[in-house]
């Protein structure tokens, strides 16, 4: 992958918190074991028939992030496109829904996070 195609992303994880009987997610920054404590992903919209909804419209809320480096990013982790390392309260831009390994490339399926 070309360096110019890589986007620096910040990874987070959540903790379920119960307040007054309701569950909510509290997000925490997850520093990775890299020099910058972040990950670099090649973010792309792969538009195909599977990414269309029932009305035939393309669903742009799904982004694919590819990398050849092994990062500690799991399903359910949050991905932010802005620096969250110094923030107390934040919500990620995307959540990881799948992370299959294809050859030497890991594909992270990212879905837009709506704050549920």
Foldseek 3Di string as FASTA:
>chain_A
DDPVQKAWKWKWAWDWDADPNDTFTFIDTQQWPDPVSIDIWRKDDDWDQVQADPVRDGDPQKIKTKDLDDIPADFRMAIARDDCNPPRGDDGQWGFHDWDQDPSMIITITGGDPRD
